[in-house]
Every structure is written in C-alpha cells, then in structure tokens.
Amino acid sequence: MLSVEGLNTYYGDSHILRGVDVQLPAATSVGLLGRNGMGKTTLIRSLMGYVRPASGRVQAEGRDVTGWTPEKMARLGIGYVPEGRGIFPNLSVRENLVMSARPGPDGQRAWTFERVMSTFPRLAERLSHGGQQLSGGEQQMLSIGRALMTNPRLLILDEATEGLAPLVVAEIWRVIGEIRATGISTLIVDRDWRKVLGHTDQAVVMEKGLIVLKGQSSALLAEPAQVSELLGV
C-alpha cells in the first residue's frame, strides 16, 4: 500500500534519515521500533509530507507521492494519530469527531460516529466537554477516534500510550487490536516493544536513522535478544 525507498531527510545540517526503506503492505500491521532520537517520528513526518525528504521516494500503490502535502496524503486514506495527540482544545469532543468525519477513499463509511462511541464509551459520556477538559487518556482516545472518523485504510499511531495510566494503556491496546482485526493497515510506534511485536505482523528497528533489523514480529518476539540489545533494555 505504501513504500519508502532510499529516504534521506535532514533538519538543517543534521542528517536524520539515511537511506531508509520500509514497506507497508495492505491489511498488514507494522511495528516501528527504536530508542528516542533514532528517526522514527522523522520517518513518519517525511512520509506524511510534514517534512520534505532530500532524496528518495514515497510511493502509494505504485504512485510517486514524495513531498505531497499532509492533506493530500490524508486523502489517500491515511489516518495519523501524532505524538502529543493534537486534538483541538477549544472544540468539544463531539466537534473534534464530527469535523473530521468523511468517507474513505473508496467511499466506505465503516467508522461512523456511533461506532466510535461504542468503541470509546468514555468519550460518549463527555461529548460536550472541551478537549482541554479531558484527561490524558481521554484525549488519546479522542485522537484515535478522530482518525478513525476519516475511515482510513492505513492508521499511523505515534506513541499512542505514552504517559498514560496502566488501565488506560490496556484499553488503548485493546482498541488497537480491534482496529487491526477490521483489516485496516497500521504503523505502530511505541516504547513497549513486546506489546508492539504482539500486535503487529512485521516490525523494523531503527538506529541512528537507519533500518538495522526487520522481520516477522512473531519471529522477533521468539528471539528477543537482538531487539532488546538494539533498544537498550
């Protein structure tokens, strides 16, 4: 569905991504692992169009979309749950959700307002609350729900459980499992690499802007020594 080939990205004079290759097949969940500062978020921002790569290609089903703006990438059916959540604090829960509602690129409307409410019953109790009135966990649920309201074919989750209470973290992973079961492709970044490997089909590990390890998630989970060493845990 989406592929990254030979991507090089800079921030000023700093060379962040160094010839990165990643494949995101349709109906597949991929884990993106690495310590802080290794280039994971830069990779996401480069393929989403927030940062323009210096070289390399981003392709969507064979079409070159390198350097497309974020709104054009979203129209391809990519939902993005950014690190830091990115909800609108001055809008209510209902407004945050409804403003993003639209059919997917193939006209599908599987994720309706009612379905998001049933997936996140806590949000249903806070529809009139402003985004700034929600707890961190509720804001994260809202961010995921808002992305689902776009009926994406690919959902990117960047540190979706960061800083949340254990019970909320368990709830987020439950929802990720449900999303994966519907056939939506996912790209998941999270510090809990064992959870990532348990909720994905494939995984890649980044180090200093390079892909240094890739494979089937089940195989990496069965032989965790190399992953553990690369992540420094």
Protein backbone atom coordinates (compact mmCIF):
# COMPACT_ATOMS: atom_id res chain seq x y z
CA MET A 1 0.00 0.00 0.00
CA LEU A 2 2.77 2.43 0.95
CA SER A 3 6.51 2.11 0.42
CA VAL A 4 9.51 4.23 1.34
CA GLU A 5 12.66 3.82 -0.74
CA GLY A 6 16.08 5.31 -0.04
CA LEU A 7 14.69 8.16 2.04
CA ASN A 8 17.16 10.79 3.22
CA THR A 9 15.84 13.60 5.42
CA TYR A 10 17.69 16.49 7.04
CA TYR A 11 16.86 19.00 9.74
CA GLY A 12 19.17 21.84 8.80
CA ASP A 13 22.63 20.31 8.57
CA SER A 14 21.65 17.25 10.62
CA HIS A 15 21.26 14.12 8.50
CA ILE A 16 18.41 12.26 10.25
CA LEU A 17 17.16 9.55 7.86
CA ARG A 18 19.89 7.74 5.96
CA GLY A 19 18.57 5.78 3.03
CA VAL A 20 15.54 4.28 4.78
CA ASP A 21 13.50 1.55 3.06
CA VAL A 22 10.15 0.46 4.56
CA GLN A 23 7.22 -1.44 3.09
CA LEU A 24 3.67 -1.08 4.44
CA PRO A 25 1.55 -3.76 2.75
CA ALA A 26 -2.24 -3.52 2.63
CA ALA A 27 -4.13 -5.08 5.56
CA THR A 28 -0.87 -5.50 7.48
CA SER A 29 0.28 -4.15 10.81
CA VAL A 30 3.89 -2.96 11.03
CA GLY A 31 5.79 -2.01 14.19
CA LEU A 32 8.39 0.78 14.08
CA LEU A 33 10.84 0.42 16.95
CA GLY A 34 13.92 2.29 18.15
CA ARG A 35 15.26 4.33 21.03
CA ASN A 36 14.43 8.03 21.32
CA GLY A 37 16.10 10.18 18.69
CA MET A 38 16.67 7.36 16.20
CA GLY A 39 14.43 8.86 13.49
CA LYS A 40 11.05 7.16 13.94
CA THR A 41 8.94 10.32 14.09
CA THR A 42 11.01 11.93 11.33
CA LEU A 43 10.24 8.93 9.13
CA ILE A 44 6.52 9.34 9.80
CA ARG A 45 6.65 13.09 9.19
CA SER A 46 8.59 12.53 5.96
CA LEU A 47 6.12 10.05 4.51
CA MET A 48 3.16 12.17 5.66
CA GLY A 49 4.50 15.31 4.00
CA TYR A 50 5.27 17.41 7.09
CA VAL A 51 8.98 17.28 6.22
CA ARG A 52 10.28 17.13 2.64
CA PRO A 53 12.95 14.46 2.09
CA ALA A 54 16.19 15.50 0.43
CA SER A 55 16.14 12.32 -1.68
CA GLY A 56 14.37 9.00 -2.02
CA ARG A 57 10.77 8.17 -2.82
CA VAL A 58 7.46 7.63 -1.08
CA GLN A 59 5.04 5.58 -3.17
CA ALA A 60 1.36 4.83 -2.63
CA GLU A 61 0.29 1.75 -4.60
CA GLY A 62 2.99 2.45 -7.16
CA ARG A 63 2.29 6.18 -7.48
CA ASP A 64 5.06 8.60 -6.51
CA VAL A 65 3.71 10.81 -3.71
CA THR A 66 7.04 12.12 -2.43
CA GLY A 67 6.63 15.58 -0.96
CA TRP A 68 2.85 15.59 -1.13
CA THR A 69 1.24 17.83 1.47
CA PRO A 70 -0.28 16.23 4.59
CA GLU A 71 -3.83 16.95 3.41
CA LYS A 72 -3.19 15.18 0.10
CA MET A 73 -1.69 12.20 1.93
CA ALA A 74 -4.75 12.10 4.19
CA ARG A 75 -6.99 11.90 1.11
CA LEU A 76 -5.19 8.70 0.14
CA GLY A 77 -6.74 7.14 3.23
CA ILE A 78 -4.03 7.67 5.84
CA GLY A 79 -5.13 8.46 9.38
CA TYR A 80 -2.50 9.94 11.70
CA VAL A 81 -2.51 9.88 15.50
CA PRO A 82 0.51 12.09 16.29
CA GLU A 83 2.71 12.04 19.33
CA GLY A 84 1.15 14.62 21.66
CA ARG A 85 -2.40 13.82 20.42
CA GLY A 86 -3.01 17.06 18.52
CA ILE A 87 -6.68 17.47 19.41
CA PHE A 88 -8.39 20.87 19.25
CA PRO A 89 -8.64 22.04 22.90
CA ASN A 90 -11.25 24.72 22.17
CA LEU A 91 -13.65 22.26 20.49
CA SER A 92 -15.90 19.80 22.27
CA VAL A 93 -15.44 16.05 21.99
CA ARG A 94 -18.37 15.90 19.58
CA GLU A 95 -16.96 18.74 17.47
CA ASN A 96 -13.49 17.16 17.34
CA LEU A 97 -15.05 13.99 15.96
CA VAL A 98 -17.69 15.39 13.63
CA MET A 99 -15.33 17.88 11.97
CA SER A 100 -13.15 15.00 10.73
CA ALA A 101 -15.96 12.67 9.59
CA ARG A 102 -15.82 11.69 5.95
CA PRO A 103 -15.97 8.58 3.77
CA GLY A 104 -12.77 6.75 2.99
CA PRO A 105 -11.08 6.94 -0.43
CA ASP A 106 -13.27 4.08 -1.70
CA GLY A 107 -16.43 5.66 -0.31
CA GLN A 108 -16.59 3.33 2.70
CA ARG A 109 -18.18 4.61 5.91
CA ALA A 110 -17.47 1.73 8.27
CA TRP A 111 -16.36 4.06 11.08
CA THR A 112 -19.37 6.14 11.98
CA PHE A 113 -19.87 8.43 14.96
CA GLU A 114 -21.94 5.68 16.62
CA ARG A 115 -19.21 3.10 16.12
CA VAL A 116 -16.57 5.36 17.63
CA MET A 117 -18.88 5.93 20.61
CA SER A 118 -19.28 2.19 21.13
CA THR A 119 -15.52 1.70 20.82
CA PHE A 120 -14.78 4.50 23.30
CA PRO A 121 -17.73 4.59 25.71
CA ARG A 122 -15.85 7.02 27.96
CA LEU A 123 -16.00 9.63 25.19
CA ALA A 124 -19.76 9.14 24.91
CA GLU A 125 -20.02 10.40 28.49
CA ARG A 126 -18.04 13.57 27.68
CA LEU A 127 -19.40 14.74 24.34
CA SER A 128 -19.98 18.31 25.49
CA HIS A 129 -16.61 18.61 27.28
CA GLY A 130 -13.88 20.71 25.67
CA GLY A 131 -10.71 18.98 24.56
CA GLN A 132 -8.75 20.76 27.30
CA GLN A 133 -11.10 19.33 29.95
CA LEU A 134 -10.24 15.72 29.18
CA SER A 135 -7.68 13.55 30.93
CA GLY A 136 -4.62 12.44 29.00
CA GLY A 137 -6.15 9.05 28.35
CA GLU A 138 -9.41 10.56 27.13
CA GLN A 139 -7.51 12.91 24.83
CA GLN A 140 -5.69 9.92 23.36
CA MET A 141 -8.97 8.09 22.79
CA LEU A 142 -10.32 11.21 21.10
CA SER A 143 -7.26 11.46 18.87
CA ILE A 144 -7.65 7.84 17.76
CA GLY A 145 -11.42 8.23 17.34
CA ARG A 146 -10.95 11.35 15.23
CA ALA A 147 -8.54 9.49 12.92
CA LEU A 148 -10.99 6.59 12.60
CA MET A 149 -13.76 9.01 11.60
CA THR A 150 -11.82 9.61 8.36
CA ASN A 151 -12.32 5.90 7.53
CA PRO A 152 -8.63 5.32 6.84
CA ARG A 153 -7.01 2.44 5.01
CA LEU A 154 -3.80 2.99 6.97
CA LEU A 155 -3.65 4.25 10.57
CA ILE A 156 -0.36 5.59 11.95
CA LEU A 157 -0.06 5.67 15.74
CA ASP A 158 2.97 7.50 17.14
CA GLU A 159 3.47 6.77 20.86
CA ALA A 160 -0.25 6.27 21.50
CA THR A 161 0.27 5.02 25.08
CA GLU A 162 2.97 7.44 26.23
CA GLY A 163 2.43 8.85 29.72
CA LEU A 164 -0.88 7.09 30.31
CA ALA A 165 -2.06 5.13 33.36
CA PRO A 166 -1.78 1.32 33.08
CA LEU A 167 -5.55 0.78 32.84
CA VAL A 168 -5.80 3.32 30.01
CA VAL A 169 -2.79 1.76 28.27
CA ALA A 170 -4.55 -1.62 28.36
CA GLU A 171 -7.65 0.00 26.85
CA ILE A 172 -5.64 1.58 24.03
CA TRP A 173 -4.02 -1.76 23.16
CA ARG A 174 -7.45 -3.40 23.17
CA VAL A 175 -8.69 -0.84 20.66
CA ILE A 176 -5.57 -1.27 18.52
CA GLY A 177 -6.32 -4.99 18.41
CA GLU A 178 -9.89 -4.27 17.29
CA ILE A 179 -8.69 -1.89 14.58
CA ARG A 180 -6.21 -4.42 13.29
CA ALA A 181 -8.94 -7.08 13.15
CA THR A 182 -11.01 -4.91 10.79
CA GLY A 183 -8.30 -5.09 8.12
CA ILE A 184 -7.04 -1.52 8.45
CA SER A 185 -3.27 -1.37 7.96
CA THR A 186 -1.43 0.07 10.94
CA LEU A 187 2.01 1.52 11.59
CA ILE A 188 2.65 1.50 15.33
CA VAL A 189 5.37 3.31 17.27
CA ASP A 190 5.53 2.58 21.00
CA ARG A 191 8.17 2.14 23.69
CA ASP A 192 6.71 -1.19 24.83
CA TRP A 193 8.35 -3.25 22.12
CA ARG A 194 6.89 -6.52 23.35
CA LYS A 195 3.37 -5.11 23.03
CA VAL A 196 4.23 -3.77 19.58
CA LEU A 197 5.51 -7.15 18.42
CA GLY A 198 2.44 -8.83 19.90
CA HIS A 199 0.09 -6.53 17.94
CA THR A 200 1.83 -6.46 14.54
CA ASP A 201 2.65 -8.77 11.64
CA GLN A 202 6.03 -7.26 10.81
CA ALA A 203 8.46 -4.93 12.53
CA VAL A 204 11.52 -2.81 11.77
CA VAL A 205 14.06 -1.37 14.21
CA MET A 206 15.78 1.97 13.61
CA GLU A 207 19.13 3.10 14.89
CA LYS A 208 20.72 6.46 14.03
CA GLY A 209 18.45 6.98 11.04
CA LEU A 210 18.97 3.51 9.59
CA ILE A 211 16.84 0.36 9.47
CA VAL A 212 19.10 -2.12 11.27
CA LEU A 213 16.68 -5.00 11.81
CA LYS A 214 13.46 -6.17 10.21
CA GLY A 215 11.39 -9.33 10.21
CA GLN A 216 8.18 -11.06 11.15
CA SER A 217 7.02 -9.82 14.56
CA SER A 218 6.41 -13.33 15.84
CA ALA A 219 9.96 -14.37 14.96
CA LEU A 220 11.46 -11.29 16.62
CA LEU A 221 9.36 -11.90 19.71
CA ALA A 222 10.51 -15.53 19.87
CA GLU A 223 14.18 -14.46 19.67
CA PRO A 224 14.16 -11.14 21.57
CA ALA A 225 17.87 -10.80 22.40
CA GLN A 226 18.78 -8.75 19.32
CA VAL A 227 15.77 -6.46 19.66
CA SER A 228 16.49 -5.95 23.36
CA GLU A 229 20.13 -5.09 22.64
CA LEU A 230 19.25 -2.55 19.94
CA LEU A 231 16.68 -0.87 22.15
CA GLY A 232 19.00 -0.79 25.15
CA VAL A 233 16.60 -2.55 27.52
